[in-house]
Amino acid sequence: MLVLFTQTRNLTNRGLPPDIPTFTTALIEHPDPYKPFFPFLTQSSNHEDPKALLTSAVVASIIAHALTASGKASSQTEEAIPKLNTYLSGLAGSSDSGLQDVAVQEYAAILRSHKSREIFWSQRKQTVEPLMEVLHAAAGTMKDTDSTLFNGNASIRTTATDIRLGGNVGLQLLYHVLLVFWQLSFDGSMIGQGLDE
């Protein structure tokens, strides 16, 4: 890791601006690029731990770059995806809509290849079920007395980001959850029957 930081600093010393994509490319070529990050995801059970949240964002960005740069997942990336999914599933299953939104945005970032979608689907008890709960809450089909869809008490808000659906699900969160399901639909033959269940 120190070698990668040194290489980046050398670019800056030669008058070149630090290049994050170049650093990320060098990082994913490392034999074990994710090893320094995963201890930060597992050392705290507090979903609001800023170190873990920032680490998950960095790991999701590195995985997304690795998937788009090479067109397929390396063995290190394939091993990293389930670990990140496990952490994100804890955020998606929390009652905090902000943490849920972090999870689904990072899911969307890494669901860029068939392999990452396959891994995501293989962990569906962890990954898909919390997202389905968000959809049920938004539709007002859970034990929710605040559903604006079914009780007719819709409120007028000043901005679109303030709009809340049933279960206090925000419009932005709902959009990101639907985006994840849309990405999964690229492998419809794999997930179709399972979603019906």
Foldseek 3Di string as FASTA:
>chain_A
DVVLVVVQVVCVVVVHHRDVLVSLVVLVVDPQNCVVLLVQLPVDPDLPPVSNLVSLVVLLQSLLSCCVVVVHDDPNSLVVLLSSLQSLLSQLQDLDLVSVQSSLVSLLSNLPHPSSLVSQVVVCVSHVVSLVVLVCQQCVNDPFPPACNPPVPADDDPDQQCGAGGSRHTPSSNVSSVSSVVSSCVVCVVCVVVVVD
